[in-house]
């Protein structure tokens, strides 16, 4: 997955620019159990974002319990991005996303 040719995703860095989220974005939802347990924290997700700005794959690198990691994945998969670029051209990228859960 670390290649850089064709449609193989490349990691953001160097000449590869990061994608940016186009607003509005889907917000992750607290699960009932996580809310009752007063769980707060960060979920880190590694996502593959294609040259059109859509998340084509995602996995959790740093989870939270009680369904919050799945809620974060579900939300991120709905997000639309301005794609990452290499030499000014859109390319599929591997990009880490941070989703914050904070009770109000």
PDB file of N, CA and C in Angstrom:
ATOM      1  N   UNK A   1       0.795  -1.205   0.000  1.00  0.00           N
ATOM      2  CA  UNK A   1       0.000   0.000   0.000  1.00  0.00           C
ATOM      3  C   UNK A   1       0.836   1.267   0.000  1.00  0.00           C
ATOM      4  N   UNK A   2       2.118   1.158   0.103  1.00  0.00           N
ATOM      5  CA  UNK A   2       2.932   2.353   0.204  1.00  0.00           C
ATOM      6  C   UNK A   2       3.462   2.817  -1.141  1.00  0.00           C
ATOM      7  N   UNK A   3       2.992   2.274  -2.223  1.00  0.00           N
ATOM      8  CA  UNK A   3       3.484   2.635  -3.550  1.00  0.00           C
ATOM      9  C   UNK A   3       3.062   4.019  -3.964  1.00  0.00           C
ATOM     10  N   UNK A   4       3.294   4.335  -5.234  1.00  0.00           N
ATOM     11  CA  UNK A   4       2.938   5.645  -5.709  1.00  0.00           C
ATOM     12  C   UNK A   4       2.660   5.667  -7.189  1.00  0.00           C
ATOM     13  N   UNK A   5       2.358   4.513  -7.752  1.00  0.00           N
ATOM     14  CA  UNK A   5       2.119   4.477  -9.185  1.00  0.00           C
ATOM     15  C   UNK A   5       0.678   4.110  -9.466  1.00  0.00           C
ATOM     16  N   UNK A   6       0.175   4.605 -10.578  1.00  0.00           N
ATOM     17  CA  UNK A   6      -1.188   4.268 -10.972  1.00  0.00           C
ATOM     18  C   UNK A   6      -2.189   4.720  -9.939  1.00  0.00           C
ATOM     19  N   UNK A   7      -3.107   3.823  -9.592  1.00  0.00           N
ATOM     20  CA  UNK A   7      -4.144   4.153  -8.616  1.00  0.00           C
ATOM     21  C   UNK A   7      -3.796   3.664  -7.220  1.00  0.00           C
ATOM     22  N   UNK A   8      -2.552   3.269  -7.017  1.00  0.00           N
ATOM     23  CA  UNK A   8      -2.129   2.812  -5.702  1.00  0.00           C
ATOM     24  C   UNK A   8      -1.994   4.024  -4.779  1.00  0.00           C
ATOM     25  N   UNK A   9      -2.618   3.994  -3.597  1.00  0.00           N
ATOM     26  CA  UNK A   9      -2.562   5.164  -2.713  1.00  0.00           C
ATOM     27  C   UNK A   9      -1.155   5.418  -2.186  1.00  0.00           C
ATOM     28  N   UNK A  10      -0.839   6.689  -1.996  1.00  0.00           N
ATOM     29  CA  UNK A  10       0.449   7.102  -1.454  1.00  0.00           C
ATOM     30  C   UNK A  10       0.220   7.838  -0.138  1.00  0.00           C
ATOM     31  N   UNK A  11       1.220   7.788   0.724  1.00  0.00           N
ATOM     32  CA  UNK A  11       1.108   8.492   2.007  1.00  0.00           C
ATOM     33  C   UNK A  11       1.304   9.987   1.803  1.00  0.00           C
ATOM     34  N   UNK A  12       0.576  10.753   2.583  1.00  0.00           N
ATOM     35  CA  UNK A  12       0.702  12.206   2.551  1.00  0.00           C
ATOM     36  C   UNK A  12       2.066  12.590   3.120  1.00  0.00           C
ATOM     37  N   UNK A  13       2.721  13.530   2.491  1.00  0.00           N
ATOM     38  CA  UNK A  13       4.028  14.008   2.933  1.00  0.00           C
ATOM     39  C   UNK A  13       4.908  14.282   1.731  1.00  0.00           C
ATOM     40  N   UNK A  14       5.941  15.071   1.917  1.00  0.00           N
ATOM     41  CA  UNK A  14       6.815  15.424   0.804  1.00  0.00           C
ATOM     42  C   UNK A  14       6.042  16.208  -0.240  1.00  0.00           C
ATOM     43  N   UNK A  15       6.032  15.709  -1.470  1.00  0.00           N
ATOM     44  CA  UNK A  15       5.325  16.382  -2.566  1.00  0.00           C
ATOM     45  C   UNK A  15       3.838  16.045  -2.610  1.00  0.00           C
ATOM     46  N   UNK A  16       3.393  15.149  -1.737  1.00  0.00           N
ATOM     47  CA  UNK A  16       1.985  14.737  -1.721  1.00  0.00           C
ATOM     48  C   UNK A  16       1.241  15.583  -0.692  1.00  0.00           C
ATOM     49  N   UNK A  17       0.280  16.386  -1.161  1.00  0.00           N
ATOM     50  CA  UNK A  17      -0.469  17.251  -0.250  1.00  0.00           C
ATOM     51  C   UNK A  17      -1.617  16.488   0.397  1.00  0.00           C
ATOM     52  N   UNK A  18      -1.994  16.935   1.568  1.00  0.00           N
ATOM     53  CA  UNK A  18      -3.080  16.302   2.319  1.00  0.00           C
ATOM     54  C   UNK A  18      -4.435  16.681   1.733  1.00  0.00           C
ATOM     55  N   UNK A  19      -5.386  15.749   1.794  1.00  0.00           N
ATOM     56  CA  UNK A  19      -6.756  16.096   1.417  1.00  0.00           C
ATOM     57  C   UNK A  19      -7.370  16.983   2.494  1.00  0.00           C
ATOM     58  N   UNK A  20      -8.403  17.733   2.134  1.00  0.00           N
ATOM     59  CA  UNK A  20      -9.108  18.556   3.120  1.00  0.00           C
ATOM     60  C   UNK A  20     -10.592  18.220   3.085  1.00  0.00           C
ATOM     61  N   UNK A  21     -11.193  18.187   4.261  1.00  0.00           N
ATOM     62  CA  UNK A  21     -12.615  17.860   4.374  1.00  0.00           C
ATOM     63  C   UNK A  21     -13.440  19.006   3.818  1.00  0.00           C
ATOM     64  N   UNK A  22     -14.429  18.665   3.007  1.00  0.00           N
ATOM     65  CA  UNK A  22     -15.389  19.644   2.512  1.00  0.00           C
ATOM     66  C   UNK A  22     -16.551  19.670   3.494  1.00  0.00           C
ATOM     67  N   UNK A  23     -16.889  20.837   3.994  1.00  0.00           N
ATOM     68  CA  UNK A  23     -17.975  20.969   4.969  1.00  0.00           C
ATOM     69  C   UNK A  23     -19.319  21.023   4.268  1.00  0.00           C
ATOM     70  N   UNK A  24     -20.432  20.660   4.882  1.00  0.00           N
ATOM     71  CA  UNK A  24     -20.486  20.092   6.220  1.00  0.00           C
ATOM     72  C   UNK A  24     -20.118  18.615   6.180  1.00  0.00           C
ATOM     73  N   UNK A  25     -19.637  18.131   7.296  1.00  0.00           N
ATOM     74  CA  UNK A  25     -19.267  16.722   7.367  1.00  0.00           C
ATOM     75  C   UNK A  25     -20.174  16.008   8.360  1.00  0.00           C
ATOM     76  N   UNK A  26     -20.344  14.724   8.159  1.00  0.00           N
ATOM     77  CA  UNK A  26     -21.159  13.922   9.078  1.00  0.00           C
ATOM     78  C   UNK A  26     -20.431  13.826  10.415  1.00  0.00           C
ATOM     79  N   UNK A  27     -21.130  14.115  11.480  1.00  0.00           N
ATOM     80  CA  UNK A  27     -20.537  14.028  12.816  1.00  0.00           C
ATOM     81  C   UNK A  27     -20.775  12.633  13.390  1.00  0.00           C
ATOM     82  N   UNK A  28     -19.768  12.055  14.045  1.00  0.00           N
ATOM     83  CA  UNK A  28     -19.972  10.753  14.680  1.00  0.00           C
ATOM     84  C   UNK A  28     -20.945  10.884  15.839  1.00  0.00           C
ATOM     85  N   UNK A  29     -21.709   9.854  16.065  1.00  0.00           N
ATOM     86  CA  UNK A  29     -22.716   9.865  17.119  1.00  0.00           C
ATOM     87  C   UNK A  29     -22.232   9.071  18.331  1.00  0.00           C
ATOM     88  N   UNK A  30     -22.504   9.609  19.503  1.00  0.00           N
ATOM     89  CA  UNK A  30     -22.235   8.870  20.734  1.00  0.00           C
ATOM     90  C   UNK A  30     -23.185   7.690  20.821  1.00  0.00           C
ATOM     91  N   UNK A  31     -22.670   6.540  21.227  1.00  0.00           N
ATOM     92  CA  UNK A  31     -23.559   5.423  21.532  1.00  0.00           C
ATOM     93  C   UNK A  31     -24.150   5.661  22.922  1.00  0.00           C
ATOM     94  N   UNK A  32     -25.291   5.076  23.170  1.00  0.00           N
ATOM     95  CA  UNK A  32     -25.951   5.237  24.475  1.00  0.00           C
ATOM     96  C   UNK A  32     -25.042   4.758  25.608  1.00  0.00           C
ATOM     97  N   UNK A  33     -24.399   3.594  25.415  1.00  0.00           N
ATOM     98  CA  UNK A  33     -23.516   3.051  26.453  1.00  0.00           C
ATOM     99  C   UNK A  33     -22.330   3.965  26.724  1.00  0.00           C
ATOM    100  N   UNK A  34     -21.723   4.505  25.674  1.00  0.00           N
ATOM    101  CA  UNK A  34     -20.566   5.389  25.845  1.00  0.00           C
ATOM    102  C   UNK A  34     -20.971   6.683  26.549  1.00  0.00           C
ATOM    103  N   UNK A  35     -22.154   7.185  26.228  1.00  0.00           N
ATOM    104  CA  UNK A  35     -22.638   8.403  26.882  1.00  0.00           C
ATOM    105  C   UNK A  35     -22.862   8.145  28.382  1.00  0.00           C
ATOM    106  N   UNK A  36     -23.510   7.022  28.701  1.00  0.00           N
ATOM    107  CA  UNK A  36     -23.772   6.692  30.109  1.00  0.00           C
ATOM    108  C   UNK A  36     -22.474   6.465  30.879  1.00  0.00           C
ATOM    109  N   UNK A  37     -21.462   5.893  30.194  1.00  0.00           N
ATOM    110  CA  UNK A  37     -20.173   5.633  30.839  1.00  0.00           C
ATOM    111  C   UNK A  37     -19.277   6.874  30.831  1.00  0.00           C
ATOM    112  N   UNK A  38     -19.750   7.946  30.190  1.00  0.00           N
ATOM    113  CA  UNK A  38     -19.033   9.215  30.112  1.00  0.00           C
ATOM    114  C   UNK A  38     -17.647   9.064  29.480  1.00  0.00           C
ATOM    115  N   UNK A  39     -17.595   8.279  28.415  1.00  0.00           N
ATOM    116  CA  UNK A  39     -16.344   8.049  27.690  1.00  0.00           C
ATOM    117  C   UNK A  39     -16.046   9.256  26.801  1.00  0.00           C
ATOM    118  N   UNK A  40     -14.833   9.765  26.895  1.00  0.00           N
ATOM    119  CA  UNK A  40     -14.361  10.824  26.012  1.00  0.00           C
ATOM    120  C   UNK A  40     -12.983  10.421  25.501  1.00  0.00           C
ATOM    121  N   UNK A  41     -12.588  11.001  24.383  1.00  0.00           N
ATOM    122  CA  UNK A  41     -11.261  10.708  23.866  1.00  0.00           C
ATOM    123  C   UNK A  41     -11.189  10.859  22.367  1.00  0.00           C
ATOM    124  N   UNK A  42     -10.157  10.245  21.816  1.00  0.00           N
ATOM    125  CA  UNK A  42      -9.840  10.390  20.399  1.00  0.00           C
ATOM    126  C   UNK A  42      -9.795   9.025  19.733  1.00  0.00           C
ATOM    127  N   UNK A  43     -10.384   8.945  18.551  1.00  0.00           N
ATOM    128  CA  UNK A  43     -10.245   7.777  17.682  1.00  0.00           C
ATOM    129  C   UNK A  43      -9.379   8.223  16.508  1.00  0.00           C
ATOM    130  N   UNK A  44      -8.337   7.448  16.215  1.00  0.00           N
ATOM    131  CA  UNK A  44      -7.505   7.742  15.045  1.00  0.00           C
ATOM    132  C   UNK A  44      -7.800   6.696  13.984  1.00  0.00           C
ATOM    133  N   UNK A  45      -8.083   7.188  12.788  1.00  0.00           N
ATOM    134  CA  UNK A  45      -8.471   6.332  11.667  1.00  0.00           C
ATOM    135  C   UNK A  45      -7.503   6.538  10.518  1.00  0.00           C
ATOM    136  N   UNK A  46      -7.046   5.428   9.937  1.00  0.00           N
ATOM    137  CA  UNK A  46      -6.266   5.487   8.702  1.00  0.00           C
ATOM    138  C   UNK A  46      -7.239   5.278   7.554  1.00  0.00           C
ATOM    139  N   UNK A  47      -7.326   6.266   6.670  1.00  0.00           N
ATOM    140  CA  UNK A  47      -8.282   6.208   5.562  1.00  0.00           C
ATOM    141  C   UNK A  47      -7.554   6.275   4.232  1.00  0.00           C
ATOM    142  N   UNK A  48      -8.132   5.618   3.249  1.00  0.00           N
ATOM    143  CA  UNK A  48      -7.686   5.784   1.874  1.00  0.00           C
ATOM    144  C   UNK A  48      -8.722   6.664   1.196  1.00  0.00           C
ATOM    145  N   UNK A  49      -8.251   7.782   0.675  1.00  0.00           N
ATOM    146  CA  UNK A  49      -9.125   8.755   0.013  1.00  0.00           C
ATOM    147  C   UNK A  49      -8.755   8.767  -1.460  1.00  0.00           C
ATOM    148  N   UNK A  50      -9.726   8.474  -2.317  1.00  0.00           N
ATOM    149  CA  UNK A  50      -9.427   8.348  -3.745  1.00  0.00           C
ATOM    150  C   UNK A  50      -9.248   9.709  -4.414  1.00  0.00           C
ATOM    151  N   UNK A  51      -8.906   9.682  -5.687  1.00  0.00           N
ATOM    152  CA  UNK A  51      -8.623  10.922  -6.427  1.00  0.00           C
ATOM    153  C   UNK A  51      -9.858  11.796  -6.605  1.00  0.00           C
ATOM    154  N   UNK A  52     -11.058  11.256  -6.298  1.00  0.00           N
ATOM    155  CA  UNK A  52     -12.295  12.037  -6.358  1.00  0.00           C
ATOM    156  C   UNK A  52     -12.712  12.578  -4.995  1.00  0.00           C
ATOM    157  N   UNK A  53     -11.937  12.248  -3.947  1.00  0.00           N
ATOM    158  CA  UNK A  53     -12.217  12.775  -2.617  1.00  0.00           C
ATOM    159  C   UNK A  53     -13.114  11.913  -1.755  1.00  0.00           C
ATOM    160  N   UNK A  54     -13.321  10.649  -2.162  1.00  0.00           N
ATOM    161  CA  UNK A  54     -14.167   9.747  -1.377  1.00  0.00           C
ATOM    162  C   UNK A  54     -13.315   8.758  -0.584  1.00  0.00           C
ATOM    163  N   UNK A  55     -13.773   8.428   0.627  1.00  0.00           N
ATOM    164  CA  UNK A  55     -13.105   7.416   1.443  1.00  0.00           C
ATOM    165  C   UNK A  55     -13.465   6.049   0.870  1.00  0.00           C
ATOM    166  N   UNK A  56     -12.452   5.317   0.429  1.00  0.00           N
ATOM    167  CA  UNK A  56     -12.694   3.996  -0.154  1.00  0.00           C
ATOM    168  C   UNK A  56     -12.376   2.870   0.814  1.00  0.00           C
ATOM    169  N   UNK A  57     -11.603   3.179   1.862  1.00  0.00           N
ATOM    170  CA  UNK A  57     -11.286   2.181   2.875  1.00  0.00           C
ATOM    171  C   UNK A  57     -10.881   2.929   4.137  1.00  0.00           C
ATOM    172  N   UNK A  58     -11.145   2.331   5.279  1.00  0.00           N
ATOM    173  CA  UNK A  58     -10.769   2.958   6.546  1.00  0.00           C
ATOM    174  C   UNK A  58     -10.628   1.883   7.607  1.00  0.00           C
ATOM    175  N   UNK A  59      -9.669   2.111   8.502  1.00  0.00           N
ATOM    176  CA  UNK A  59      -9.492   1.197   9.635  1.00  0.00           C
ATOM    177  C   UNK A  59      -9.074   2.006  10.847  1.00  0.00           C
ATOM    178  N   UNK A  60      -9.378   1.466  12.011  1.00  0.00           N
ATOM    179  CA  UNK A  60      -9.078   2.149  13.266  1.00  0.00           C
ATOM    180  C   UNK A  60      -7.645   1.860  13.693  1.00  0.00           C
ATOM    181  N   UNK A  61      -6.896   2.908  13.973  1.00  0.00           N
ATOM    182  CA  UNK A  61      -5.543   2.758  14.517  1.00  0.00           C
ATOM    183  C   UNK A  61      -5.551   2.892  16.031  1.00  0.00           C
ATOM    184  N   UNK A  62      -6.393   3.795  16.561  1.00  0.00           N
ATOM    185  CA  UNK A  62      -6.531   3.994  18.009  1.00  0.00           C
ATOM    186  C   UNK A  62      -8.025   4.034  18.320  1.00  0.00           C
ATOM    187  N   UNK A  63      -8.549   2.948  18.893  1.00  0.00           N
ATOM    188  CA  UNK A  63      -9.991   2.878  19.142  1.00  0.00           C
ATOM    189  C   UNK A  63     -10.396   3.477  20.488  1.00  0.00           C
ATOM    190  N   UNK A  64     -11.698   3.645  20.641  1.00  0.00           N
ATOM    191  CA  UNK A  64     -12.330   3.919  21.926  1.00  0.00           C
ATOM    192  C   UNK A  64     -13.376   2.827  22.136  1.00  0.00           C
ATOM    193  N   UNK A  65     -13.709   2.519  23.390  1.00  0.00           N
ATOM    194  CA  UNK A  65     -14.649   1.427  23.663  1.00  0.00           C
ATOM    195  C   UNK A  65     -16.110   1.807  23.417  1.00  0.00           C
ATOM    196  N   UNK A  66     -16.956   0.814  23.610  1.00  0.00           N
ATOM    197  CA  UNK A  66     -18.413   0.961  23.627  1.00  0.00           C
ATOM    198  C   UNK A  66     -18.985   1.506  22.317  1.00  0.00           C
ATOM    199  N   UNK A  67     -18.374   1.102  21.214  1.00  0.00           N
ATOM    200  CA  UNK A  67     -18.919   1.433  19.902  1.00  0.00           C
ATOM    201  C   UNK A  67     -18.496   2.765  19.323  1.00  0.00           C
ATOM    202  N   UNK A  68     -17.682   3.535  20.049  1.00  0.00           N
ATOM    203  CA  UNK A  68     -17.290   4.844  19.528  1.00  0.00           C
ATOM    204  C   UNK A  68     -16.363   4.729  18.321  1.00  0.00           C
ATOM    205  N   UNK A  69     -15.513   3.695  18.305  1.00  0.00           N
ATOM    206  CA  UNK A  69     -14.641   3.520  17.141  1.00  0.00           C
ATOM    207  C   UNK A  69     -15.464   3.234  15.885  1.00  0.00           C
ATOM    208  N   UNK A  70     -16.496   2.412  16.006  1.00  0.00           N
ATOM    209  CA  UNK A  70     -17.357   2.123  14.852  1.00  0.00           C
ATOM    210  C   UNK A  70     -18.145   3.358  14.428  1.00  0.00           C
ATOM    211  N   UNK A  71     -18.590   4.139  15.397  1.00  0.00           N
ATOM    212  CA  UNK A  71     -19.299   5.378  15.086  1.00  0.00           C
ATOM    213  C   UNK A  71     -18.392   6.338  14.311  1.00  0.00           C
ATOM    214  N   UNK A  72     -17.126   6.414  14.729  1.00  0.00           N
ATOM    215  CA  UNK A  72     -16.162   7.269  14.023  1.00  0.00           C
ATOM    216  C   UNK A  72     -15.942   6.770  12.599  1.00  0.00           C
ATOM    217  N   UNK A  73     -15.781   5.456  12.431  1.00  0.00           N
ATOM    218  CA  UNK A  73     -15.605   4.884  11.087  1.00  0.00           C
ATOM    219  C   UNK A  73     -16.812   5.171  10.203  1.00  0.00           C
ATOM    220  N   UNK A  74     -18.006   4.985  10.754  1.00  0.00           N
ATOM    221  CA  UNK A  74     -19.232   5.228   9.980  1.00  0.00           C
ATOM    222  C   UNK A  74     -19.304   6.681   9.508  1.00  0.00           C
ATOM    223  N   UNK A  75     -18.933   7.614  10.378  1.00  0.00           N
ATOM    224  CA  UNK A  75     -18.980   9.035  10.012  1.00  0.00           C
ATOM    225  C   UNK A  75     -17.936   9.363   8.952  1.00  0.00           C
ATOM    226  N   UNK A  76     -16.699   8.919   9.165  1.00  0.00           N
ATOM    227  CA  UNK A  76     -15.603   9.226   8.238  1.00  0.00           C
ATOM    228  C   UNK A  76     -15.897   8.698   6.835  1.00  0.00           C
ATOM    229  N   UNK A  77     -16.521   7.548   6.757  1.00  0.00           N
ATOM    230  CA  UNK A  77     -16.836   6.968   5.439  1.00  0.00           C
ATOM    231  C   UNK A  77     -17.820   7.833   4.643  1.00  0.00           C
ATOM    232  N   UNK A  78     -18.529   8.745   5.316  1.00  0.00           N
ATOM    233  CA  UNK A  78     -19.477   9.642   4.645  1.00  0.00           C
ATOM    234  C   UNK A  78     -18.834  10.979   4.261  1.00  0.00           C
ATOM    235  N   UNK A  79     -17.650  11.248   4.765  1.00  0.00           N
ATOM    236  CA  UNK A  79     -17.005  12.531   4.511  1.00  0.00           C
ATOM    237  C   UNK A  79     -16.567  12.639   3.057  1.00  0.00           C
ATOM    238  N   UNK A  80     -16.605  13.852   2.541  1.00  0.00           N
ATOM    239  CA  UNK A  80     -16.126  14.159   1.187  1.00  0.00           C
ATOM    240  C   UNK A  80     -14.932  15.097   1.336  1.00  0.00           C
ATOM    241  N   UNK A  81     -13.903  14.860   0.546  1.00  0.00           N
ATOM    242  CA  UNK A  81     -12.662  15.618   0.635  1.00  0.00           C
ATOM    243  C   UNK A  81     -12.313  16.284  -0.689  1.00  0.00           C
ATOM    244  N   UNK A  82     -11.544  17.368  -0.594  1.00  0.00           N
ATOM    245  CA  UNK A  82     -10.780  17.819  -1.748  1.00  0.00           C
ATOM    246  C   UNK A  82      -9.594  16.868  -1.763  1.00  0.00           C
ATOM    247  N   UNK A  83      -9.350  16.180  -2.865  1.00  0.00           N
ATOM    248  CA  UNK A  83      -8.336  15.120  -2.853  1.00  0.00           C
ATOM    249  C   UNK A  83      -6.921  15.638  -2.601  1.00  0.00           C
ATOM    250  N   UNK A  84      -6.076  14.727  -2.118  1.00  0.00           N
ATOM    251  CA  UNK A  84      -4.657  15.022  -2.026  1.00  0.00           C
ATOM    252  C   UNK A  84      -4.093  15.133  -3.435  1.00  0.00           C
ATOM    253  N   UNK A  85      -2.974  15.811  -3.560  1.00  0.00           N
ATOM    254  CA  UNK A  85      -2.390  15.990  -4.891  1.00  0.00           C
ATOM    255  C   UNK A  85      -0.901  15.676  -4.889  1.00  0.00           C
ATOM    256  N   UNK A  86      -0.415  15.322  -6.060  1.00  0.00           N
ATOM    257  CA  UNK A  86       1.006  15.143  -6.330  1.00  0.00           C
ATOM    258  C   UNK A  86       1.283  15.887  -7.621  1.00  0.00           C
ATOM    259  N   UNK A  87       2.183  16.856  -7.569  1.00  0.00           N
ATOM    260  CA  UNK A  87       2.492  17.695  -8.738  1.00  0.00           C
ATOM    261  C   UNK A  87       1.234  18.344  -9.311  1.00  0.00           C
ATOM    262  N   UNK A  88       0.321  18.751  -8.419  1.00  0.00           N
ATOM    263  CA  UNK A  88      -0.887  19.445  -8.847  1.00  0.00           C
ATOM    264  C   UNK A  88      -2.002  18.554  -9.363  1.00  0.00           C
ATOM    265  N   UNK A  89      -1.771  17.242  -9.402  1.00  0.00           N
ATOM    266  CA  UNK A  89      -2.777  16.305  -9.904  1.00  0.00           C
ATOM    267  C   UNK A  89      -3.365  15.502  -8.745  1.00  0.00           C
ATOM    268  N   UNK A  90      -4.694  15.282  -8.733  1.00  0.00           N
ATOM    269  CA  UNK A  90      -5.299  14.477  -7.666  1.00  0.00           C
ATOM    270  C   UNK A  90      -4.769  13.042  -7.686  1.00  0.00           C
ATOM    271  N   UNK A  91      -4.464  12.522  -6.506  1.00  0.00           N
ATOM    272  CA  UNK A  91      -4.000  11.144  -6.361  1.00  0.00           C
ATOM    273  C   UNK A  91      -4.690  10.507  -5.157  1.00  0.00           C
ATOM    274  N   UNK A  92      -4.853   9.182  -5.173  1.00  0.00           N
ATOM    275  CA  UNK A  92      -5.364   8.509  -3.976  1.00  0.00           C
ATOM    276  C   UNK A  92      -4.292   8.546  -2.881  1.00  0.00           C
ATOM    277  N   UNK A  93      -4.728   8.820  -1.655  1.00  0.00           N
ATOM    278  CA  UNK A  93      -3.772   8.950  -0.553  1.00  0.00           C
ATOM    279  C   UNK A  93      -4.189   8.129   0.657  1.00  0.00           C
ATOM    280  N   UNK A  94      -3.188   7.805   1.460  1.00  0.00           N
ATOM    281  CA  UNK A  94      -3.400   7.206   2.776  1.00  0.00           C
ATOM    282  C   UNK A  94      -3.239   8.348   3.774  1.00  0.00           C
ATOM    283  N   UNK A  95      -4.258   8.552   4.601  1.00  0.00           N
ATOM    284  CA  UNK A  95      -4.268   9.738   5.459  1.00  0.00           C
ATOM    285  C   UNK A  95      -4.868   9.383   6.812  1.00  0.00           C
ATOM    286  N   UNK A  96      -4.215   9.825   7.880  1.00  0.00           N
ATOM    287  CA  UNK A  96      -4.729   9.583   9.228  1.00  0.00           C
ATOM    288  C   UNK A  96      -5.655  10.717   9.645  1.00  0.00           C
ATOM    289  N   UNK A  97      -6.819  10.333  10.150  1.00  0.00           N
ATOM    290  CA  UNK A  97      -7.838  11.284  10.591  1.00  0.00           C
ATOM    291  C   UNK A  97      -8.054  11.131  12.088  1.00  0.00           C
ATOM    292  N   UNK A  98      -8.273  12.236  12.771  1.00  0.00           N
ATOM    293  CA  UNK A  98      -8.548  12.236  14.199  1.00  0.00           C
ATOM    294  C   UNK A  98     -10.006  12.616  14.423  1.00  0.00           C
ATOM    295  N   UNK A  99     -10.717  11.764  15.163  1.00  0.00           N
ATOM    296  CA  UNK A  99     -12.112  12.037  15.500  1.00  0.00           C
ATOM    297  C   UNK A  99     -12.186  12.181  17.019  1.00  0.00           C
ATOM    298  N   UNK A 100     -12.658  13.334  17.468  1.00  0.00           N
ATOM    299  CA  UNK A 100     -12.699  13.639  18.903  1.00  0.00           C
ATOM    300  C   UNK A 100     -14.111  13.428  19.440  1.00  0.00           C
ATOM    301  N   UNK A 101     -14.190  12.699  20.544  1.00  0.00           N
ATOM    302  CA  UNK A 101     -15.459  12.518  21.255  1.00  0.00           C
ATOM    303  C   UNK A 101     -15.366  13.275  22.571  1.00  0.00           C
ATOM    304  N   UNK A 102     -16.254  14.259  22.735  1.00  0.00           N
ATOM    305  CA  UNK A 102     -16.272  15.059  23.954  1.00  0.00           C
ATOM    306  C   UNK A 102     -17.725  15.284  24.342  1.00  0.00           C
ATOM    307  N   UNK A 103     -18.049  14.937  25.571  1.00  0.00           N
ATOM    308  CA  UNK A 103     -19.410  15.157  26.061  1.00  0.00           C
ATOM    309  C   UNK A 103     -19.624  16.638  26.325  1.00  0.00           C
ATOM    310  N   UNK A 104     -20.840  17.096  26.077  1.00  0.00           N
ATOM    311  CA  UNK A 104     -21.153  18.513  26.272  1.00  0.00           C
ATOM    312  C   UNK A 104     -21.704  18.749  27.657  1.00  0.00           C
TER     313      UNK A 104
END
